[in-house]
Structures are given as C-alpha cells and as structure tokens.
Amino acid sequence: MRKRLASLISLLTVAAGCNGPLPFLAGGTLAGEVVEPPSEWTEWTEKVSVIQLETNPSEPYSINIAYTIVRGQLYVYAGDTKTEWVQHMEVDPQVRFRRQGLIYELRAERVTDDAERAVFAKAWAARGFLSRDPQTLDEVWLYRLRPRQ
C-alpha cells in the first residue's frame, strides 16, 4: 500500500511540474510563446495531428487532442460525447492551444451547419477505421477554432 501511495505521489508531483496535459491526464495552464494565429491554417501540411487544447480560462484545463485542418480551417471534434472540455467551451469559447511550443489564443465555434459538417466528416473518416464518422451520429460536438476578435 505504501509503495502505491508513493508511486501516486511521485506521479502527481511529476504531473504538477509539467506545463500541460500528460497523455491520459488533463493538465492546467499551457506554457509557451504566445503568437498570432494565421487567418487560415495552410502552413501545416499534415491533415491530422495532436495539440494541447486549454479550455476554461478561469480554471485552466488542458488536454491532448487530435485536430484536423480542412480547407484552411482548424477543427477539434469530440464525437457525440459532451466531454469536460466541450462543456467548458459551451460556457466560455475562449481557448488556447499549443503546438510545437507555440501558444495560439483562439475562440471555439460549434459547427452546426450540415454542409460544413459533411466536408469535415469526409476528411475525418479518411483518417482510418477508428475515426467515427460524424455523419452517423445524432449529436455532434465539432468546433472550428478561429482567431479571437
């Protein structure tokens, strides 16, 4: 029992010293250089990769999440699950994300337009058999991340 407790304390100490989420644990405030986001996300060549997304500015909550770029727009997708980060963005759409040490301050906009969701769905489903097609879900939590106004 003491070894388990010591291991847990060690893990929590390491996690507290990180400036972001661990692979399967949420983190807090992301650290890095804040830079201006582009008006279109065309400089990144990969279609799908992972970023750290920070929500809930009053009590920062950050996670690792896949993003997708479609037609120069940046998207994050929770499928049909209203996750904790989705709940945060529904209350306050101000988010930050970190990629390669750079922080982008953005605003999350839920995508409800069927045509835009269909374009996203095609790109998302092309990722592979584990990617749940948003077109097959009753409720979809899809967000476009845009520069803050």
N, C-alpha and C. Protein backbone atom coordinates (compact mmCIF):
# COMPACT_ATOMS: atom_id res chain seq x y z
N MET A 1 0.82 -1.19 0.00
CA MET A 1 0.00 0.00 0.00
C MET A 1 0.86 1.26 0.00
N ARG A 2 1.93 1.25 0.80
CA ARG A 2 2.81 2.42 0.85
C ARG A 2 3.51 2.66 -0.48
N LYS A 3 3.89 1.56 -1.17
CA LYS A 3 4.55 1.71 -2.47
C LYS A 3 3.60 2.35 -3.48
N ARG A 4 2.34 1.92 -3.43
CA ARG A 4 1.34 2.50 -4.35
C ARG A 4 1.15 3.97 -4.06
N LEU A 5 1.04 4.31 -2.79
CA LEU A 5 0.86 5.70 -2.42
C LEU A 5 2.08 6.53 -2.83
N ALA A 6 3.27 6.00 -2.62
CA ALA A 6 4.50 6.70 -3.02
C ALA A 6 4.54 6.88 -4.53
N SER A 7 4.14 5.85 -5.26
CA SER A 7 4.11 5.95 -6.73
C SER A 7 3.11 7.00 -7.18
N LEU A 8 1.94 7.02 -6.56
CA LEU A 8 0.92 8.00 -6.91
C LEU A 8 1.40 9.41 -6.61
N ILE A 9 2.03 9.61 -5.45
CA ILE A 9 2.56 10.93 -5.09
C ILE A 9 3.64 11.34 -6.09
N SER A 10 4.50 10.42 -6.48
CA SER A 10 5.54 10.72 -7.47
C SER A 10 4.93 11.14 -8.80
N LEU A 11 3.93 10.39 -9.24
CA LEU A 11 3.27 10.70 -10.50
C LEU A 11 2.61 12.06 -10.44
N LEU A 12 1.92 12.36 -9.36
CA LEU A 12 1.26 13.66 -9.21
C LEU A 12 2.27 14.79 -9.14
N THR A 13 3.41 14.56 -8.51
CA THR A 13 4.46 15.56 -8.45
C THR A 13 5.00 15.86 -9.84
N VAL A 14 5.26 14.81 -10.60
CA VAL A 14 5.73 15.00 -11.98
C VAL A 14 4.69 15.72 -12.80
N ALA A 15 3.44 15.30 -12.67
CA ALA A 15 2.35 15.93 -13.44
C ALA A 15 2.21 17.40 -13.08
N ALA A 16 2.35 17.73 -11.81
CA ALA A 16 2.23 19.12 -11.38
C ALA A 16 3.35 19.97 -11.94
N GLY A 17 4.50 19.37 -12.18
CA GLY A 17 5.64 20.11 -12.72
C GLY A 17 5.57 20.31 -14.22
N CYS A 18 4.67 19.60 -14.89
CA CYS A 18 4.50 19.75 -16.33
C CYS A 18 3.66 20.99 -16.60
N ASN A 19 3.86 21.59 -17.75
CA ASN A 19 3.06 22.76 -18.08
C ASN A 19 2.00 22.40 -19.11
N GLY A 20 1.41 21.27 -18.94
CA GLY A 20 0.36 20.85 -19.84
C GLY A 20 -0.09 19.45 -19.49
N PRO A 21 -0.97 18.91 -20.31
CA PRO A 21 -1.51 17.59 -20.02
C PRO A 21 -0.50 16.48 -20.30
N LEU A 22 -0.67 15.38 -19.57
CA LEU A 22 0.07 14.17 -19.86
C LEU A 22 -0.78 13.35 -20.83
N PRO A 23 -0.26 12.28 -21.40
CA PRO A 23 -1.04 11.55 -22.40
C PRO A 23 -2.47 11.20 -21.99
N PHE A 24 -2.70 10.76 -20.75
CA PHE A 24 -4.05 10.38 -20.36
C PHE A 24 -4.56 11.15 -19.16
N LEU A 25 -3.90 12.25 -18.81
CA LEU A 25 -4.31 13.07 -17.68
C LEU A 25 -4.41 14.52 -18.12
N ALA A 26 -5.46 15.18 -17.70
CA ALA A 26 -5.61 16.60 -18.02
C ALA A 26 -4.60 17.41 -17.23
N GLY A 27 -4.26 18.56 -17.78
CA GLY A 27 -3.33 19.48 -17.12
C GLY A 27 -4.01 20.81 -16.89
N GLY A 28 -3.21 21.82 -16.61
CA GLY A 28 -3.72 23.16 -16.34
C GLY A 28 -3.29 24.13 -17.42
N THR A 29 -2.74 25.25 -16.99
CA THR A 29 -2.33 26.31 -17.90
C THR A 29 -1.18 25.85 -18.79
N LEU A 30 -1.30 26.11 -20.08
CA LEU A 30 -0.23 25.78 -21.02
C LEU A 30 0.82 26.89 -21.02
N ALA A 31 2.07 26.52 -21.07
CA ALA A 31 3.17 27.47 -21.13
C ALA A 31 3.78 27.45 -22.52
N GLY A 32 4.25 28.58 -22.95
CA GLY A 32 4.89 28.69 -24.25
C GLY A 32 4.80 30.13 -24.74
N GLU A 33 5.38 30.36 -25.91
CA GLU A 33 5.35 31.69 -26.51
C GLU A 33 4.00 31.91 -27.19
N VAL A 34 3.31 32.98 -26.81
CA VAL A 34 2.02 33.32 -27.43
C VAL A 34 2.31 34.03 -28.75
N VAL A 35 1.72 33.51 -29.82
CA VAL A 35 1.90 34.09 -31.15
C VAL A 35 0.54 34.33 -31.79
N GLU A 36 0.51 35.20 -32.79
CA GLU A 36 -0.71 35.48 -33.52
C GLU A 36 -1.09 34.30 -34.39
N PRO A 37 -2.34 33.90 -34.37
CA PRO A 37 -2.76 32.80 -35.25
C PRO A 37 -2.92 33.30 -36.69
N PRO A 38 -2.74 32.42 -37.64
CA PRO A 38 -2.95 32.82 -39.02
C PRO A 38 -4.46 32.92 -39.31
N SER A 39 -4.81 33.61 -40.37
CA SER A 39 -6.23 33.68 -40.73
C SER A 39 -6.70 32.36 -41.34
N GLU A 40 -5.78 31.63 -41.95
CA GLU A 40 -6.05 30.28 -42.45
C GLU A 40 -4.88 29.39 -42.06
N TRP A 41 -5.19 28.14 -41.75
CA TRP A 41 -4.19 27.19 -41.28
C TRP A 41 -3.66 26.40 -42.48
N THR A 42 -2.97 27.07 -43.36
CA THR A 42 -2.47 26.40 -44.57
C THR A 42 -1.00 26.04 -44.49
N GLU A 43 -0.27 26.60 -43.52
CA GLU A 43 1.17 26.32 -43.46
C GLU A 43 1.49 24.95 -42.89
N TRP A 44 0.54 24.31 -42.24
CA TRP A 44 0.77 22.97 -41.71
C TRP A 44 0.34 21.97 -42.76
N THR A 45 1.23 21.08 -43.13
CA THR A 45 0.93 20.16 -44.22
C THR A 45 0.17 18.92 -43.79
N GLU A 46 0.32 18.51 -42.53
CA GLU A 46 -0.39 17.31 -42.10
C GLU A 46 -1.87 17.61 -41.94
N LYS A 47 -2.70 16.65 -42.25
CA LYS A 47 -4.15 16.82 -42.13
C LYS A 47 -4.63 16.56 -40.70
N VAL A 48 -3.96 15.66 -40.00
CA VAL A 48 -4.38 15.31 -38.64
C VAL A 48 -3.14 15.18 -37.76
N SER A 49 -3.19 15.77 -36.60
CA SER A 49 -2.10 15.64 -35.64
C SER A 49 -2.67 15.93 -34.25
N VAL A 50 -1.79 16.03 -33.25
CA VAL A 50 -2.23 16.25 -31.88
C VAL A 50 -1.70 17.59 -31.38
N ILE A 51 -2.56 18.29 -30.66
CA ILE A 51 -2.21 19.55 -30.00
C ILE A 51 -2.60 19.43 -28.53
N GLN A 52 -2.20 20.42 -27.76
CA GLN A 52 -2.70 20.56 -26.40
C GLN A 52 -3.72 21.70 -26.44
N LEU A 53 -4.92 21.41 -26.01
CA LEU A 53 -6.01 22.38 -26.01
C LEU A 53 -6.30 22.77 -24.57
N GLU A 54 -6.34 24.08 -24.32
CA GLU A 54 -6.65 24.61 -22.99
C GLU A 54 -8.01 25.30 -23.04
N THR A 55 -8.89 24.88 -22.15
CA THR A 55 -10.22 25.49 -22.04
C THR A 55 -10.37 26.05 -20.63
N ASN A 56 -11.52 26.69 -20.38
CA ASN A 56 -11.88 27.16 -19.04
C ASN A 56 -10.87 28.17 -18.50
N PRO A 57 -10.81 29.37 -19.09
CA PRO A 57 -9.80 30.36 -18.67
C PRO A 57 -9.77 30.67 -17.18
N SER A 58 -10.91 30.59 -16.50
CA SER A 58 -10.92 30.92 -15.06
C SER A 58 -10.25 29.85 -14.22
N GLU A 59 -10.25 28.61 -14.69
CA GLU A 59 -9.55 27.49 -14.04
C GLU A 59 -9.02 26.61 -15.16
N PRO A 60 -7.89 26.97 -15.77
CA PRO A 60 -7.42 26.29 -16.98
C PRO A 60 -7.38 24.77 -16.88
N TYR A 61 -7.86 24.17 -17.95
CA TYR A 61 -7.96 22.72 -18.09
C TYR A 61 -7.43 22.39 -19.48
N SER A 62 -6.37 21.60 -19.55
CA SER A 62 -5.79 21.29 -20.85
C SER A 62 -5.73 19.79 -21.09
N ILE A 63 -5.86 19.43 -22.36
CA ILE A 63 -5.85 18.04 -22.78
C ILE A 63 -5.06 17.91 -24.08
N ASN A 64 -4.65 16.68 -24.38
CA ASN A 64 -4.10 16.36 -25.70
C ASN A 64 -5.27 15.95 -26.57
N ILE A 65 -5.31 16.46 -27.78
CA ILE A 65 -6.45 16.18 -28.66
C ILE A 65 -6.01 16.24 -30.12
N ALA A 66 -6.62 15.39 -30.92
CA ALA A 66 -6.36 15.43 -32.36
C ALA A 66 -7.05 16.66 -32.95
N TYR A 67 -6.38 17.27 -33.91
CA TYR A 67 -7.01 18.35 -34.65
C TYR A 67 -7.01 17.97 -36.12
N THR A 68 -7.87 18.62 -36.86
CA THR A 68 -7.96 18.38 -38.30
C THR A 68 -8.05 19.72 -39.00
N ILE A 69 -7.33 19.87 -40.09
CA ILE A 69 -7.41 21.07 -40.91
C ILE A 69 -8.14 20.70 -42.19
N VAL A 70 -9.21 21.45 -42.46
CA VAL A 70 -9.99 21.24 -43.67
C VAL A 70 -10.22 22.60 -44.32
N ARG A 71 -9.78 22.73 -45.56
CA ARG A 71 -9.96 23.99 -46.30
C ARG A 71 -9.46 25.20 -45.52
N GLY A 72 -8.31 25.04 -44.88
CA GLY A 72 -7.69 26.14 -44.15
C GLY A 72 -8.29 26.43 -42.79
N GLN A 73 -9.28 25.64 -42.37
CA GLN A 73 -9.91 25.83 -41.07
C GLN A 73 -9.43 24.75 -40.11
N LEU A 74 -9.28 25.12 -38.84
CA LEU A 74 -8.80 24.22 -37.78
C LEU A 74 -9.99 23.72 -36.97
N TYR A 75 -10.10 22.39 -36.81
CA TYR A 75 -11.23 21.78 -36.10
C TYR A 75 -10.76 20.85 -34.99
N VAL A 76 -11.55 20.79 -33.92
CA VAL A 76 -11.42 19.76 -32.89
C VAL A 76 -12.79 19.11 -32.77
N TYR A 77 -12.79 17.82 -32.43
CA TYR A 77 -14.01 17.02 -32.53
C TYR A 77 -14.10 16.05 -31.36
N ALA A 78 -15.27 16.03 -30.70
CA ALA A 78 -15.49 15.15 -29.55
C ALA A 78 -16.48 14.04 -29.86
N GLY A 79 -16.82 13.87 -31.14
CA GLY A 79 -17.81 12.85 -31.48
C GLY A 79 -19.16 13.22 -30.93
N ASP A 80 -19.84 12.25 -30.33
CA ASP A 80 -21.16 12.52 -29.75
C ASP A 80 -21.11 12.60 -28.23
N THR A 81 -19.92 12.82 -27.69
CA THR A 81 -19.73 12.88 -26.24
C THR A 81 -19.48 14.32 -25.80
N LYS A 82 -20.32 14.79 -24.91
CA LYS A 82 -20.14 16.15 -24.38
C LYS A 82 -19.11 16.09 -23.25
N THR A 83 -17.85 16.03 -23.66
CA THR A 83 -16.74 15.88 -22.73
C THR A 83 -16.59 17.12 -21.84
N GLU A 84 -15.68 17.03 -20.89
CA GLU A 84 -15.45 18.16 -19.99
C GLU A 84 -14.97 19.39 -20.76
N TRP A 85 -14.07 19.18 -21.72
CA TRP A 85 -13.58 20.34 -22.48
C TRP A 85 -14.68 20.94 -23.35
N VAL A 86 -15.59 20.13 -23.85
CA VAL A 86 -16.74 20.65 -24.61
C VAL A 86 -17.62 21.48 -23.67
N GLN A 87 -17.89 20.98 -22.49
CA GLN A 87 -18.70 21.71 -21.52
C GLN A 87 -18.07 23.07 -21.21
N HIS A 88 -16.76 23.08 -21.06
CA HIS A 88 -16.06 24.35 -20.81
C HIS A 88 -16.27 25.33 -21.96
N MET A 89 -16.13 24.85 -23.20
CA MET A 89 -16.24 25.74 -24.36
C MET A 89 -17.67 26.22 -24.57
N GLU A 90 -18.65 25.46 -24.11
CA GLU A 90 -20.03 25.91 -24.20
C GLU A 90 -20.29 27.09 -23.26
N VAL A 91 -19.56 27.13 -22.14
CA VAL A 91 -19.70 28.23 -21.18
C VAL A 91 -18.84 29.42 -21.60
N ASP A 92 -17.59 29.16 -22.00
CA ASP A 92 -16.66 30.21 -22.40
C ASP A 92 -15.87 29.71 -23.61
N PRO A 93 -16.10 30.28 -24.79
CA PRO A 93 -15.46 29.79 -26.00
C PRO A 93 -13.99 30.20 -26.16
N GLN A 94 -13.44 30.95 -25.20
CA GLN A 94 -12.03 31.36 -25.29
C GLN A 94 -11.15 30.16 -24.98
N VAL A 95 -10.33 29.77 -25.94
CA VAL A 95 -9.43 28.63 -25.77
C VAL A 95 -8.02 29.04 -26.17
N ARG A 96 -7.08 28.20 -25.80
CA ARG A 96 -5.69 28.34 -26.25
C ARG A 96 -5.23 26.97 -26.66
N PHE A 97 -4.36 26.93 -27.65
CA PHE A 97 -3.75 25.63 -27.92
C PHE A 97 -2.27 25.81 -28.18
N ARG A 98 -1.59 24.71 -27.91
CA ARG A 98 -0.13 24.72 -28.07
C ARG A 98 0.26 23.66 -29.07
N ARG A 99 1.12 24.07 -29.99
CA ARG A 99 1.70 23.16 -30.97
C ARG A 99 3.15 23.58 -31.14
N GLN A 100 4.04 22.63 -30.96
CA GLN A 100 5.48 22.87 -31.10
C GLN A 100 5.95 24.06 -30.26
N GLY A 101 5.44 24.15 -29.02
CA GLY A 101 5.87 25.18 -28.09
C GLY A 101 5.24 26.54 -28.28
N LEU A 102 4.42 26.71 -29.32
CA LEU A 102 3.77 28.00 -29.57
C LEU A 102 2.32 27.94 -29.10
N ILE A 103 1.87 29.03 -28.49
CA ILE A 103 0.50 29.14 -27.98
C ILE A 103 -0.30 30.05 -28.90
N TYR A 104 -1.46 29.56 -29.30
CA TYR A 104 -2.39 30.34 -30.12
C TYR A 104 -3.64 30.59 -29.29
N GLU A 105 -4.05 31.85 -29.17
CA GLU A 105 -5.25 32.20 -28.43
C GLU A 105 -6.40 32.31 -29.43
N LEU A 106 -7.43 31.47 -29.22
CA LEU A 106 -8.50 31.33 -30.19
C LEU A 106 -9.87 31.35 -29.55
N ARG A 107 -10.87 31.30 -30.39
CA ARG A 107 -12.27 31.22 -29.98
C ARG A 107 -12.86 29.98 -30.63
N ALA A 108 -13.56 29.17 -29.85
CA ALA A 108 -14.18 27.94 -30.36
C ALA A 108 -15.61 28.26 -30.80
N GLU A 109 -15.95 27.82 -32.02
CA GLU A 109 -17.31 27.99 -32.53
C GLU A 109 -17.85 26.62 -32.88
N ARG A 110 -18.97 26.27 -32.27
CA ARG A 110 -19.57 24.96 -32.57
C ARG A 110 -20.11 24.97 -34.00
N VAL A 111 -19.81 23.90 -34.72
CA VAL A 111 -20.26 23.78 -36.11
C VAL A 111 -21.58 23.02 -36.12
N THR A 112 -22.62 23.69 -36.60
CA THR A 112 -23.93 23.06 -36.69
C THR A 112 -24.42 22.99 -38.13
N ASP A 113 -23.74 23.67 -39.04
CA ASP A 113 -24.12 23.68 -40.45
C ASP A 113 -23.87 22.30 -41.07
N ASP A 114 -24.91 21.70 -41.64
CA ASP A 114 -24.80 20.35 -42.20
C ASP A 114 -23.76 20.26 -43.32
N ALA A 115 -23.68 21.27 -44.17
CA ALA A 115 -22.72 21.23 -45.29
C ALA A 115 -21.28 21.26 -44.77
N GLU A 116 -21.01 22.12 -43.79
CA GLU A 116 -19.67 22.19 -43.22
C GLU A 116 -19.33 20.90 -42.49
N ARG A 117 -20.29 20.35 -41.76
CA ARG A 117 -20.06 19.08 -41.06
C ARG A 117 -19.79 17.95 -42.06
N ALA A 118 -20.45 17.96 -43.20
CA ALA A 118 -20.23 16.92 -44.21
C ALA A 118 -18.82 17.00 -44.78
N VAL A 119 -18.32 18.21 -45.02
CA VAL A 119 -16.95 18.37 -45.53
C VAL A 119 -15.95 17.89 -44.48
N PHE A 120 -16.18 18.26 -43.22
CA PHE A 120 -15.32 17.79 -42.15
C PHE A 120 -15.39 16.26 -42.04
N ALA A 121 -16.59 15.72 -42.09
CA ALA A 121 -16.80 14.28 -41.93
C ALA A 121 -15.99 13.48 -42.95
N LYS A 122 -15.94 13.97 -44.16
CA LYS A 122 -15.18 13.27 -45.21
C LYS A 122 -13.70 13.21 -44.85
N ALA A 123 -13.15 14.34 -44.40
CA ALA A 123 -11.73 14.38 -44.01
C ALA A 123 -11.48 13.53 -42.78
N TRP A 124 -12.38 13.61 -41.81
CA TRP A 124 -12.21 12.87 -40.56
C TRP A 124 -12.29 11.37 -40.79
N ALA A 125 -13.28 10.92 -41.55
CA ALA A 125 -13.46 9.49 -41.80
C ALA A 125 -12.30 8.91 -42.61
N ALA A 126 -11.64 9.74 -43.39
CA ALA A 126 -10.50 9.27 -44.19
C ALA A 126 -9.29 8.93 -43.33
N ARG A 127 -9.31 9.32 -42.07
CA ARG A 127 -8.19 9.04 -41.16
C ARG A 127 -8.01 7.55 -40.92
N GLY A 128 -9.09 6.79 -40.96
CA GLY A 128 -8.95 5.37 -40.70
C GLY A 128 -10.20 4.79 -40.07
N PHE A 129 -10.19 3.50 -39.88
CA PHE A 129 -11.38 2.80 -39.41
C PHE A 129 -11.76 3.13 -37.98
N LEU A 130 -10.87 3.68 -37.18
CA LEU A 130 -11.19 4.03 -35.80
C LEU A 130 -11.81 5.42 -35.67
N SER A 131 -11.85 6.17 -36.74
CA SER A 131 -12.41 7.51 -36.71
C SER A 131 -13.91 7.46 -36.97
N ARG A 132 -14.69 7.76 -35.94
CA ARG A 132 -16.15 7.68 -36.07
C ARG A 132 -16.66 8.80 -36.97
N ASP A 133 -17.37 8.43 -37.99
CA ASP A 133 -17.91 9.37 -38.97
C ASP A 133 -18.99 10.22 -38.31
N PRO A 134 -18.82 11.54 -38.28
CA PRO A 134 -19.81 12.41 -37.65
C PRO A 134 -21.18 12.34 -38.32
N GLN A 135 -21.22 11.93 -39.57
CA GLN A 135 -22.49 11.87 -40.28
C GLN A 135 -23.38 10.74 -39.75
N THR A 136 -22.80 9.82 -38.98
CA THR A 136 -23.58 8.70 -38.45
C THR A 136 -24.09 8.96 -37.03
N LEU A 137 -23.80 10.12 -36.48
CA LEU A 137 -24.15 10.41 -35.09
C LEU A 137 -25.35 11.36 -35.00
N ASP A 138 -26.15 11.17 -33.96
CA ASP A 138 -27.30 12.06 -33.75
C ASP A 138 -26.86 13.42 -33.23
N GLU A 139 -25.94 13.44 -32.30
CA GLU A 139 -25.43 14.68 -31.70
C GLU A 139 -23.94 14.75 -32.04
N VAL A 140 -23.49 15.92 -32.50
CA VAL A 140 -22.09 16.07 -32.90
C VAL A 140 -21.50 17.29 -32.20
N TRP A 141 -20.36 17.07 -31.53
CA TRP A 141 -19.65 18.15 -30.86
C TRP A 141 -18.38 18.45 -31.65
N LEU A 142 -18.55 19.30 -32.65
CA LEU A 142 -17.48 19.70 -33.57
C LEU A 142 -17.28 21.20 -33.43
N TYR A 143 -16.02 21.61 -33.31
CA TYR A 143 -15.70 23.02 -33.13
C TYR A 143 -14.65 23.48 -34.13
N ARG A 144 -14.90 24.66 -34.68
CA ARG A 144 -13.93 25.36 -35.53
C ARG A 144 -13.22 26.33 -34.60
N LEU A 145 -11.89 26.37 -34.64
CA LEU A 145 -11.11 27.28 -33.79
C LEU A 145 -10.65 28.43 -34.66
N ARG A 146 -11.03 29.64 -34.26
CA ARG A 146 -10.72 30.84 -35.04
C ARG A 146 -10.01 31.87 -34.17
N PRO A 147 -9.31 32.80 -34.84
CA PRO A 147 -8.67 33.88 -34.06
C PRO A 147 -9.73 34.64 -33.26
N ARG A 148 -9.34 35.10 -32.09
CA ARG A 148 -10.25 35.92 -31.27
C ARG A 148 -10.43 37.26 -31.96
N GLN A 149 -11.59 37.83 -31.79
CA GLN A 149 -11.89 39.15 -32.40
C GLN A 149 -11.38 40.27 -31.55
